[in-house]
Amino acid sequence: MMAELLKHPNAMKKVQEEVRNVVGNKLKVDAEDVSKMKYLKCVLKETLRLHPAGPLLLPRQTSASVKLGGYDIPSNTTVLINAWAIQRDPKWWENPEEFIPERFENSSIDFKGQDFQLNPFGFGRRCPGIAFGVASIEFVMANLLYWFDWKLPAGETAENMDMAELYGLTVTKKTLHV
């Protein structure tokens, strides 16, 4: 999330202003404050859309034969869902490769398993990890944005940032030297 914000200083400024306006002069950011941060939620959704931690969701098994996308998939077939590809599919997203948090400002799309085009956590609607993970990220990011001013090191530009990802069981960013 920080890498995308550093690469997009206008989004950084907007989310930082929101956080600081909501929190005001209080000594700490609290959960009630975070619940009011609408643009922060947009930034998180857009970050997880572009950079899901697990690009392939957990394997599932079909319970019946199904035809999907012109393919016949027999019953009891193990299938993998490529969340990374779905979340960058131009059929669902305008300018899918671009970081545009505003696409979520007037959208009901959420990552609770109801919206197929945004599913960085999989389809487990009853998974307690979704709420905990999202709340944790929002709280940590709100604090980082409230207390610190972030910028690229001298001589570095957003255009030169290497946004390459390293794939494994989860996807991580290559080390950024900021």
N, C-alpha and C. Protein backbone atom coordinates (compact mmCIF):
# COMPACT_ATOMS: atom_id res chain seq x y z
N MET A 1 0.83 -1.18 0.00
CA MET A 1 0.00 0.00 0.00
C MET A 1 0.88 1.25 0.00
N MET A 2 1.92 1.24 0.82
CA MET A 2 2.80 2.40 0.87
C MET A 2 3.51 2.59 -0.47
N ALA A 3 3.90 1.50 -1.12
CA ALA A 3 4.58 1.63 -2.41
C ALA A 3 3.67 2.32 -3.42
N GLU A 4 2.40 1.92 -3.47
CA GLU A 4 1.46 2.56 -4.41
C GLU A 4 1.25 4.03 -4.04
N LEU A 5 1.16 4.33 -2.75
CA LEU A 5 0.97 5.72 -2.35
C LEU A 5 2.20 6.57 -2.66
N LEU A 6 3.38 6.01 -2.47
CA LEU A 6 4.60 6.75 -2.82
C LEU A 6 4.67 6.98 -4.33
N LYS A 7 4.19 6.02 -5.09
CA LYS A 7 4.19 6.15 -6.55
C LYS A 7 3.11 7.13 -7.03
N HIS A 8 2.10 7.35 -6.21
CA HIS A 8 0.98 8.22 -6.57
C HIS A 8 0.80 9.29 -5.49
N PRO A 9 1.61 10.34 -5.54
CA PRO A 9 1.61 11.35 -4.48
C PRO A 9 0.27 12.08 -4.30
N ASN A 10 -0.54 12.19 -5.34
CA ASN A 10 -1.85 12.84 -5.17
C ASN A 10 -2.77 11.98 -4.29
N ALA A 11 -2.72 10.67 -4.49
CA ALA A 11 -3.50 9.76 -3.63
C ALA A 11 -2.96 9.81 -2.21
N MET A 12 -1.62 9.86 -2.07
CA MET A 12 -1.01 9.96 -0.74
C MET A 12 -1.50 11.22 -0.03
N LYS A 13 -1.47 12.32 -0.72
CA LYS A 13 -1.90 13.60 -0.12
C LYS A 13 -3.37 13.53 0.29
N LYS A 14 -4.20 12.98 -0.58
CA LYS A 14 -5.64 12.91 -0.31
C LYS A 14 -5.94 12.02 0.89
N VAL A 15 -5.33 10.85 0.95
CA VAL A 15 -5.61 9.94 2.07
C VAL A 15 -5.02 10.47 3.37
N GLN A 16 -3.85 11.09 3.29
CA GLN A 16 -3.23 11.64 4.49
C GLN A 16 -4.06 12.81 5.03
N GLU A 17 -4.58 13.65 4.16
CA GLU A 17 -5.45 14.74 4.60
C GLU A 17 -6.72 14.20 5.25
N GLU A 18 -7.29 13.15 4.66
CA GLU A 18 -8.49 12.56 5.25
C GLU A 18 -8.20 12.05 6.66
N VAL A 19 -7.12 11.29 6.80
CA VAL A 19 -6.76 10.72 8.11
C VAL A 19 -6.56 11.84 9.12
N ARG A 20 -5.79 12.84 8.76
CA ARG A 20 -5.49 13.92 9.70
C ARG A 20 -6.73 14.76 10.02
N ASN A 21 -7.61 14.95 9.08
CA ASN A 21 -8.85 15.69 9.35
C ASN A 21 -9.78 14.91 10.27
N VAL A 22 -9.88 13.62 10.06
CA VAL A 22 -10.76 12.79 10.90
C VAL A 22 -10.22 12.71 12.33
N VAL A 23 -8.93 12.48 12.48
CA VAL A 23 -8.33 12.31 13.81
C VAL A 23 -8.21 13.65 14.54
N GLY A 24 -7.93 14.70 13.80
CA GLY A 24 -7.79 16.02 14.43
C GLY A 24 -6.54 16.09 15.30
N ASN A 25 -6.67 16.67 16.47
CA ASN A 25 -5.52 16.85 17.37
C ASN A 25 -5.45 15.80 18.48
N LYS A 26 -6.17 14.71 18.32
CA LYS A 26 -6.14 13.66 19.34
C LYS A 26 -4.76 13.02 19.40
N LEU A 27 -4.48 12.38 20.51
CA LEU A 27 -3.18 11.76 20.70
C LEU A 27 -3.07 10.39 20.04
N LYS A 28 -4.20 9.82 19.63
CA LYS A 28 -4.14 8.51 18.98
C LYS A 28 -5.29 8.34 18.01
N VAL A 29 -5.07 7.47 17.06
CA VAL A 29 -6.10 7.08 16.10
C VAL A 29 -6.88 5.94 16.74
N ASP A 30 -8.20 5.99 16.70
CA ASP A 30 -8.97 4.87 17.26
C ASP A 30 -9.87 4.26 16.18
N ALA A 31 -10.49 3.14 16.53
CA ALA A 31 -11.31 2.40 15.56
C ALA A 31 -12.47 3.24 15.03
N GLU A 32 -13.04 4.08 15.87
CA GLU A 32 -14.14 4.94 15.42
C GLU A 32 -13.65 5.90 14.34
N ASP A 33 -12.43 6.42 14.52
CA ASP A 33 -11.85 7.30 13.51
C ASP A 33 -11.71 6.56 12.18
N VAL A 34 -11.14 5.37 12.26
CA VAL A 34 -10.88 4.59 11.04
C VAL A 34 -12.18 4.29 10.29
N SER A 35 -13.25 4.05 11.03
CA SER A 35 -14.53 3.75 10.37
C SER A 35 -15.04 4.92 9.53
N LYS A 36 -14.57 6.13 9.80
CA LYS A 36 -14.99 7.33 9.05
C LYS A 36 -14.09 7.62 7.84
N MET A 37 -13.04 6.86 7.67
CA MET A 37 -12.05 7.13 6.62
C MET A 37 -12.43 6.41 5.33
N LYS A 38 -13.28 7.03 4.55
CA LYS A 38 -13.80 6.43 3.32
C LYS A 38 -12.72 6.28 2.24
N TYR A 39 -11.90 7.29 2.07
CA TYR A 39 -10.87 7.21 1.02
C TYR A 39 -9.80 6.19 1.39
N LEU A 40 -9.47 6.06 2.66
CA LEU A 40 -8.52 5.03 3.10
C LEU A 40 -9.03 3.66 2.69
N LYS A 41 -10.33 3.41 2.84
CA LYS A 41 -10.91 2.14 2.44
C LYS A 41 -10.79 1.94 0.92
N CYS A 42 -10.97 3.02 0.16
CA CYS A 42 -10.81 2.95 -1.30
C CYS A 42 -9.37 2.60 -1.67
N VAL A 43 -8.41 3.21 -0.98
CA VAL A 43 -6.99 2.94 -1.25
C VAL A 43 -6.67 1.48 -0.93
N LEU A 44 -7.21 0.97 0.17
CA LEU A 44 -6.96 -0.43 0.53
C LEU A 44 -7.57 -1.37 -0.51
N LYS A 45 -8.80 -1.12 -0.92
CA LYS A 45 -9.43 -1.98 -1.93
C LYS A 45 -8.62 -1.97 -3.23
N GLU A 46 -8.20 -0.78 -3.65
CA GLU A 46 -7.45 -0.68 -4.90
C GLU A 46 -6.09 -1.37 -4.78
N THR A 47 -5.45 -1.24 -3.63
CA THR A 47 -4.17 -1.91 -3.42
C THR A 47 -4.34 -3.42 -3.47
N LEU A 48 -5.35 -3.94 -2.78
CA LEU A 48 -5.58 -5.39 -2.77
C LEU A 48 -6.09 -5.89 -4.12
N ARG A 49 -6.73 -5.03 -4.89
CA ARG A 49 -7.15 -5.41 -6.24
C ARG A 49 -5.92 -5.63 -7.12
N LEU A 50 -4.98 -4.70 -7.06
CA LEU A 50 -3.78 -4.80 -7.88
C LEU A 50 -2.76 -5.79 -7.34
N HIS A 51 -2.72 -5.94 -6.02
CA HIS A 51 -1.67 -6.74 -5.39
C HIS A 51 -2.25 -7.70 -4.35
N PRO A 52 -3.04 -8.70 -4.77
CA PRO A 52 -3.56 -9.65 -3.78
C PRO A 52 -2.40 -10.44 -3.17
N ALA A 53 -2.47 -10.69 -1.88
CA ALA A 53 -1.39 -11.42 -1.21
C ALA A 53 -1.23 -12.82 -1.79
N GLY A 54 -2.34 -13.46 -2.10
CA GLY A 54 -2.32 -14.79 -2.71
C GLY A 54 -2.97 -14.70 -4.08
N PRO A 55 -2.18 -14.73 -5.16
CA PRO A 55 -2.76 -14.55 -6.49
C PRO A 55 -3.68 -15.69 -6.91
N LEU A 56 -3.39 -16.88 -6.42
CA LEU A 56 -4.27 -18.03 -6.67
C LEU A 56 -4.98 -18.36 -5.37
N LEU A 57 -6.31 -18.41 -5.43
CA LEU A 57 -7.07 -18.73 -4.24
C LEU A 57 -6.91 -20.20 -3.90
N LEU A 58 -7.30 -20.60 -2.71
CA LEU A 58 -7.17 -21.99 -2.30
C LEU A 58 -7.91 -22.90 -3.27
N PRO A 59 -7.36 -24.10 -3.52
CA PRO A 59 -8.02 -25.02 -4.44
C PRO A 59 -9.43 -25.37 -3.96
N ARG A 60 -10.32 -25.50 -4.91
CA ARG A 60 -11.71 -25.91 -4.64
C ARG A 60 -12.00 -27.13 -5.49
N GLN A 61 -13.06 -27.86 -5.12
CA GLN A 61 -13.46 -29.01 -5.90
C GLN A 61 -14.91 -28.82 -6.35
N THR A 62 -15.16 -29.05 -7.63
CA THR A 62 -16.51 -28.88 -8.13
C THR A 62 -17.41 -29.97 -7.55
N SER A 63 -18.63 -29.59 -7.20
CA SER A 63 -19.58 -30.57 -6.63
C SER A 63 -20.49 -31.14 -7.72
N ALA A 64 -20.46 -30.54 -8.89
CA ALA A 64 -21.25 -31.02 -10.02
C ALA A 64 -20.53 -30.62 -11.31
N SER A 65 -20.90 -31.26 -12.40
CA SER A 65 -20.35 -30.86 -13.70
C SER A 65 -20.88 -29.47 -14.04
N VAL A 66 -20.01 -28.67 -14.65
CA VAL A 66 -20.40 -27.30 -14.97
C VAL A 66 -19.71 -26.87 -16.26
N LYS A 67 -20.36 -25.99 -17.00
CA LYS A 67 -19.75 -25.40 -18.18
C LYS A 67 -19.42 -23.96 -17.80
N LEU A 68 -18.15 -23.58 -17.94
CA LEU A 68 -17.71 -22.25 -17.52
C LEU A 68 -16.76 -21.68 -18.57
N GLY A 69 -17.11 -20.54 -19.10
CA GLY A 69 -16.26 -19.89 -20.09
C GLY A 69 -15.99 -20.76 -21.30
N GLY A 70 -16.96 -21.58 -21.69
CA GLY A 70 -16.79 -22.44 -22.84
C GLY A 70 -16.08 -23.76 -22.54
N TYR A 71 -15.74 -23.99 -21.28
CA TYR A 71 -15.07 -25.22 -20.88
C TYR A 71 -16.03 -26.11 -20.10
N ASP A 72 -15.94 -27.43 -20.35
CA ASP A 72 -16.70 -28.40 -19.58
C ASP A 72 -15.82 -28.87 -18.43
N ILE A 73 -16.29 -28.62 -17.21
CA ILE A 73 -15.52 -29.01 -16.02
C ILE A 73 -16.31 -30.12 -15.33
N PRO A 74 -15.74 -31.33 -15.28
CA PRO A 74 -16.46 -32.45 -14.67
C PRO A 74 -16.61 -32.29 -13.15
N SER A 75 -17.54 -33.02 -12.61
CA SER A 75 -17.73 -33.06 -11.16
C SER A 75 -16.46 -33.59 -10.49
N ASN A 76 -16.19 -33.15 -9.28
CA ASN A 76 -15.03 -33.58 -8.48
C ASN A 76 -13.69 -33.17 -9.09
N THR A 77 -13.68 -32.09 -9.85
CA THR A 77 -12.44 -31.56 -10.42
C THR A 77 -11.89 -30.48 -9.49
N THR A 78 -10.58 -30.54 -9.24
CA THR A 78 -9.94 -29.50 -8.44
C THR A 78 -9.70 -28.29 -9.35
N VAL A 79 -10.14 -27.13 -8.89
CA VAL A 79 -9.97 -25.91 -9.67
C VAL A 79 -9.25 -24.86 -8.83
N LEU A 80 -8.47 -24.04 -9.51
CA LEU A 80 -7.81 -22.90 -8.88
C LEU A 80 -8.37 -21.63 -9.51
N ILE A 81 -8.62 -20.64 -8.69
CA ILE A 81 -9.13 -19.36 -9.18
C ILE A 81 -8.00 -18.35 -9.15
N ASN A 82 -7.73 -17.74 -10.29
CA ASN A 82 -6.66 -16.77 -10.41
C ASN A 82 -7.20 -15.37 -10.08
N ALA A 83 -7.15 -15.03 -8.79
CA ALA A 83 -7.65 -13.72 -8.33
C ALA A 83 -6.88 -12.59 -8.98
N TRP A 84 -5.58 -12.77 -9.16
CA TRP A 84 -4.75 -11.72 -9.75
C TRP A 84 -5.28 -11.35 -11.14
N ALA A 85 -5.58 -12.36 -11.96
CA ALA A 85 -6.05 -12.10 -13.33
C ALA A 85 -7.46 -11.51 -13.33
N ILE A 86 -8.34 -12.02 -12.48
CA ILE A 86 -9.71 -11.51 -12.41
C ILE A 86 -9.70 -10.04 -12.01
N GLN A 87 -8.86 -9.70 -11.05
CA GLN A 87 -8.84 -8.34 -10.52
C GLN A 87 -8.16 -7.34 -11.45
N ARG A 88 -7.60 -7.84 -12.55
CA ARG A 88 -7.01 -6.97 -13.57
C ARG A 88 -7.69 -7.16 -14.92
N ASP A 89 -8.84 -7.78 -14.91
CA ASP A 89 -9.56 -8.10 -16.15
C ASP A 89 -10.29 -6.86 -16.68
N PRO A 90 -9.97 -6.42 -17.91
CA PRO A 90 -10.63 -5.23 -18.47
C PRO A 90 -12.14 -5.41 -18.66
N LYS A 91 -12.61 -6.64 -18.62
CA LYS A 91 -14.06 -6.87 -18.69
C LYS A 91 -14.75 -6.30 -17.44
N TRP A 92 -14.04 -6.29 -16.32
CA TRP A 92 -14.61 -5.82 -15.05
C TRP A 92 -14.13 -4.42 -14.67
N TRP A 93 -12.94 -4.05 -15.12
CA TRP A 93 -12.30 -2.83 -14.63
C TRP A 93 -11.86 -1.94 -15.78
N GLU A 94 -12.17 -0.66 -15.69
CA GLU A 94 -11.65 0.31 -16.64
C GLU A 94 -10.22 0.63 -16.23
N ASN A 95 -9.30 0.66 -17.18
CA ASN A 95 -7.87 0.89 -16.90
C ASN A 95 -7.39 -0.02 -15.77
N PRO A 96 -7.48 -1.34 -15.97
CA PRO A 96 -7.24 -2.28 -14.88
C PRO A 96 -5.82 -2.29 -14.32
N GLU A 97 -4.84 -1.83 -15.08
CA GLU A 97 -3.46 -1.84 -14.60
C GLU A 97 -3.10 -0.58 -13.82
N GLU A 98 -4.01 0.39 -13.79
CA GLU A 98 -3.72 1.66 -13.13
C GLU A 98 -4.25 1.67 -11.70
N PHE A 99 -3.52 2.36 -10.83
CA PHE A 99 -3.91 2.55 -9.43
C PHE A 99 -4.86 3.73 -9.35
N ILE A 100 -6.15 3.43 -9.19
CA ILE A 100 -7.18 4.47 -9.16
C ILE A 100 -8.13 4.19 -7.99
N PRO A 101 -7.78 4.61 -6.78
CA PRO A 101 -8.65 4.34 -5.62
C PRO A 101 -10.05 4.92 -5.78
N GLU A 102 -10.18 6.00 -6.54
CA GLU A 102 -11.47 6.65 -6.73
C GLU A 102 -12.50 5.74 -7.39
N ARG A 103 -12.07 4.67 -8.04
CA ARG A 103 -13.03 3.76 -8.67
C ARG A 103 -13.97 3.13 -7.63
N PHE A 104 -13.57 3.17 -6.35
CA PHE A 104 -14.40 2.58 -5.30
C PHE A 104 -15.23 3.61 -4.54
N GLU A 105 -15.09 4.89 -4.85
CA GLU A 105 -15.77 5.93 -4.07
C GLU A 105 -17.29 5.82 -4.10
N ASN A 106 -17.87 5.52 -5.20
CA ASN A 106 -19.33 5.39 -5.29
C ASN A 106 -19.70 3.98 -5.72
N SER A 107 -19.00 3.02 -5.16
CA SER A 107 -19.18 1.63 -5.54
C SER A 107 -19.50 0.79 -4.31
N SER A 108 -20.36 -0.19 -4.49
CA SER A 108 -20.69 -1.10 -3.39
C SER A 108 -19.79 -2.33 -3.41
N ILE A 109 -18.85 -2.40 -4.35
CA ILE A 109 -17.96 -3.55 -4.45
C ILE A 109 -17.13 -3.68 -3.18
N ASP A 110 -17.12 -4.88 -2.63
CA ASP A 110 -16.39 -5.14 -1.39
C ASP A 110 -15.71 -6.49 -1.50
N PHE A 111 -14.79 -6.78 -0.56
CA PHE A 111 -14.11 -8.06 -0.62
C PHE A 111 -14.63 -9.06 0.41
N LYS A 112 -15.91 -9.15 0.56
CA LYS A 112 -16.51 -10.10 1.49
C LYS A 112 -17.03 -11.35 0.77
N GLY A 113 -16.64 -11.55 -0.47
CA GLY A 113 -17.02 -12.77 -1.18
C GLY A 113 -18.24 -12.65 -2.06
N GLN A 114 -18.89 -11.49 -2.09
CA GLN A 114 -20.09 -11.32 -2.91
C GLN A 114 -19.76 -10.81 -4.31
N ASP A 115 -18.65 -10.12 -4.44
CA ASP A 115 -18.28 -9.50 -5.71
C ASP A 115 -17.12 -10.26 -6.33
N PHE A 116 -17.44 -10.99 -7.39
CA PHE A 116 -16.46 -11.87 -8.02
C PHE A 116 -15.23 -11.12 -8.51
N GLN A 117 -15.40 -9.87 -8.96
CA GLN A 117 -14.29 -9.13 -9.56
C GLN A 117 -13.29 -8.59 -8.55
N LEU A 118 -13.62 -8.61 -7.25
CA LEU A 118 -12.68 -8.18 -6.21
C LEU A 118 -12.70 -9.23 -5.11
N ASN A 119 -11.70 -10.08 -5.12
CA ASN A 119 -11.70 -11.18 -4.18
C ASN A 119 -10.30 -11.53 -3.69
N PRO A 120 -9.59 -10.62 -3.06
CA PRO A 120 -8.22 -10.91 -2.63
C PRO A 120 -8.14 -11.92 -1.49
N PHE A 121 -9.28 -12.20 -0.83
CA PHE A 121 -9.28 -13.12 0.30
C PHE A 121 -9.97 -14.43 -0.01
N GLY A 122 -10.46 -14.62 -1.21
CA GLY A 122 -11.18 -15.84 -1.54
C GLY A 122 -12.67 -15.66 -1.33
N PHE A 123 -13.37 -16.78 -1.36
CA PHE A 123 -14.83 -16.73 -1.31
C PHE A 123 -15.40 -17.17 0.02
N GLY A 124 -14.60 -17.25 1.06
CA GLY A 124 -15.07 -17.67 2.38
C GLY A 124 -15.74 -16.53 3.12
N ARG A 125 -17.03 -16.32 2.89
CA ARG A 125 -17.74 -15.19 3.50
C ARG A 125 -17.74 -15.27 5.02
N ARG A 126 -17.61 -16.45 5.57
CA ARG A 126 -17.63 -16.59 7.03
C ARG A 126 -16.23 -16.57 7.62
N CYS A 127 -15.25 -16.28 6.82
CA CYS A 127 -13.86 -16.28 7.28
C CYS A 127 -13.61 -15.10 8.21
N PRO A 128 -13.22 -15.36 9.48
CA PRO A 128 -12.96 -14.26 10.41
C PRO A 128 -11.71 -13.47 10.04
N GLY A 129 -10.85 -14.05 9.24
CA GLY A 129 -9.62 -13.38 8.85
C GLY A 129 -9.82 -12.14 8.00
N ILE A 130 -10.90 -12.10 7.22
CA ILE A 130 -11.15 -10.94 6.37
C ILE A 130 -11.33 -9.69 7.22
N ALA A 131 -12.26 -9.74 8.15
CA ALA A 131 -12.53 -8.57 8.99
C ALA A 131 -11.31 -8.18 9.81
N PHE A 132 -10.63 -9.18 10.37
CA PHE A 132 -9.44 -8.89 11.19
C PHE A 132 -8.33 -8.30 10.33
N GLY A 133 -8.08 -8.90 9.18
CA GLY A 133 -7.01 -8.43 8.30
C GLY A 133 -7.26 -7.02 7.79
N VAL A 134 -8.47 -6.76 7.34
CA VAL A 134 -8.81 -5.43 6.83
C VAL A 134 -8.70 -4.39 7.93
N ALA A 135 -9.28 -4.69 9.10
CA ALA A 135 -9.23 -3.74 10.22
C ALA A 135 -7.78 -3.47 10.64
N SER A 136 -6.96 -4.50 10.65
CA SER A 136 -5.55 -4.34 11.04
C SER A 136 -4.81 -3.44 10.06
N ILE A 137 -4.99 -3.70 8.78
CA ILE A 137 -4.31 -2.89 7.76
C ILE A 137 -4.78 -1.44 7.84
N GLU A 138 -6.09 -1.25 7.94
CA GLU A 138 -6.62 0.12 8.01
C GLU A 138 -6.07 0.86 9.23
N PHE A 139 -6.03 0.20 10.37
CA PHE A 139 -5.56 0.83 11.60
C PHE A 139 -4.08 1.19 11.51
N VAL A 140 -3.27 0.26 11.05
CA VAL A 140 -1.83 0.51 10.92
C VAL A 140 -1.58 1.62 9.91
N MET A 141 -2.23 1.56 8.76
CA MET A 141 -2.03 2.58 7.73
C MET A 141 -2.49 3.96 8.21
N ALA A 142 -3.62 4.01 8.91
CA ALA A 142 -4.11 5.29 9.43
C ALA A 142 -3.07 5.90 10.37
N ASN A 143 -2.47 5.08 11.21
CA ASN A 143 -1.45 5.58 12.14
C ASN A 143 -0.20 6.04 11.39
N LEU A 144 0.25 5.26 10.42
CA LEU A 144 1.44 5.65 9.66
C LEU A 144 1.20 6.96 8.90
N LEU A 145 0.01 7.10 8.34
CA LEU A 145 -0.30 8.32 7.59
C LEU A 145 -0.54 9.52 8.50
N TYR A 146 -1.02 9.27 9.70
CA TYR A 146 -1.27 10.37 10.64
C TYR A 146 0.03 10.91 11.22
N TRP A 147 0.91 10.02 11.62
CA TRP A 147 2.10 10.43 12.36
C TRP A 147 3.31 10.76 11.50
N PHE A 148 3.35 10.27 10.28
CA PHE A 148 4.56 10.42 9.47
C PHE A 148 4.24 11.02 8.10
N ASP A 149 5.19 11.79 7.58
CA ASP A 149 5.14 12.27 6.21
C ASP A 149 6.05 11.37 5.38
N TRP A 150 5.52 10.81 4.32
CA TRP A 150 6.24 9.84 3.51
C TRP A 150 6.64 10.47 2.19
N LYS A 151 7.86 10.18 1.75
CA LYS A 151 8.30 10.64 0.44
C LYS A 151 9.43 9.73 -0.04
N LEU A 152 9.67 9.77 -1.32
CA LEU A 152 10.76 8.99 -1.90
C LEU A 152 12.09 9.61 -1.51
N PRO A 153 13.14 8.81 -1.44
CA PRO A 153 14.47 9.35 -1.14
C PRO A 153 14.90 10.36 -2.21
N ALA A 154 15.79 11.24 -1.84
CA ALA A 154 16.31 12.24 -2.78
C ALA A 154 16.85 11.54 -4.03
N GLY A 155 16.48 12.07 -5.18
CA GLY A 155 16.96 11.52 -6.44
C GLY A 155 16.09 10.40 -7.00
N GLU A 156 15.17 9.86 -6.21
CA GLU A 156 14.28 8.80 -6.68
C GLU A 156 13.01 9.43 -7.24
N THR A 157 12.46 8.80 -8.27
CA THR A 157 11.21 9.27 -8.83
C THR A 157 10.20 8.13 -8.86
N ALA A 158 8.93 8.48 -8.89
CA ALA A 158 7.88 7.47 -8.94
C ALA A 158 8.01 6.61 -10.19
N GLU A 159 8.42 7.22 -11.29
CA GLU A 159 8.56 6.48 -12.55
C GLU A 159 9.63 5.39 -12.46
N ASN A 160 10.62 5.59 -11.60
CA ASN A 160 11.71 4.62 -11.47
C ASN A 160 11.45 3.55 -10.42
N MET A 161 10.31 3.63 -9.73
CA MET A 161 10.02 2.63 -8.71
C MET A 161 9.78 1.27 -9.36
N ASP A 162 10.46 0.27 -8.85
CA ASP A 162 10.30 -1.09 -9.35
C ASP A 162 9.14 -1.73 -8.60
N MET A 163 8.02 -1.91 -9.28
CA MET A 163 6.83 -2.48 -8.65
C MET A 163 6.71 -3.98 -8.94
N ALA A 164 7.82 -4.60 -9.32
CA ALA A 164 7.80 -6.04 -9.60
C ALA A 164 7.43 -6.81 -8.34
N GLU A 165 6.75 -7.92 -8.56
CA GLU A 165 6.32 -8.76 -7.45
C GLU A 165 7.08 -10.08 -7.50
N LEU A 166 7.28 -10.66 -6.33
CA LEU A 166 7.93 -11.96 -6.21
C LEU A 166 6.87 -12.98 -5.86
N TYR A 167 6.75 -14.03 -6.65
CA TYR A 167 5.68 -15.00 -6.45
C TYR A 167 6.17 -16.20 -5.67
N GLY A 168 5.30 -16.70 -4.83
CA GLY A 168 5.51 -17.90 -4.04
C GLY A 168 4.14 -18.31 -3.52
N LEU A 169 4.09 -18.79 -2.29
CA LEU A 169 2.80 -19.11 -1.69
C LEU A 169 1.96 -17.84 -1.57
N THR A 170 2.65 -16.72 -1.29
CA THR A 170 2.01 -15.41 -1.30
C THR A 170 2.84 -14.51 -2.21
N VAL A 171 2.31 -13.37 -2.56
CA VAL A 171 3.03 -12.43 -3.40
C VAL A 171 3.56 -11.32 -2.51
N THR A 172 4.84 -11.00 -2.67
CA THR A 172 5.43 -9.91 -1.91
C THR A 172 6.05 -8.91 -2.87
N LYS A 173 6.23 -7.71 -2.40
CA LYS A 173 6.92 -6.70 -3.19
C LYS A 173 8.41 -6.96 -3.09
N LYS A 174 9.12 -6.70 -4.16
CA LYS A 174 10.57 -6.69 -4.07
C LYS A 174 10.95 -5.60 -3.09
N THR A 175 12.09 -5.71 -2.46
CA THR A 175 12.52 -4.72 -1.49
C THR A 175 12.63 -3.35 -2.13
N LEU A 176 11.96 -2.38 -1.51
CA LEU A 176 12.07 -0.99 -1.96
C LEU A 176 13.06 -0.30 -1.05
N HIS A 177 13.92 0.49 -1.60
CA HIS A 177 14.90 1.21 -0.79
C HIS A 177 14.40 2.64 -0.61
N VAL A 178 13.54 2.82 0.41
CA VAL A 178 12.98 4.15 0.71
C VAL A 178 13.39 4.59 2.09
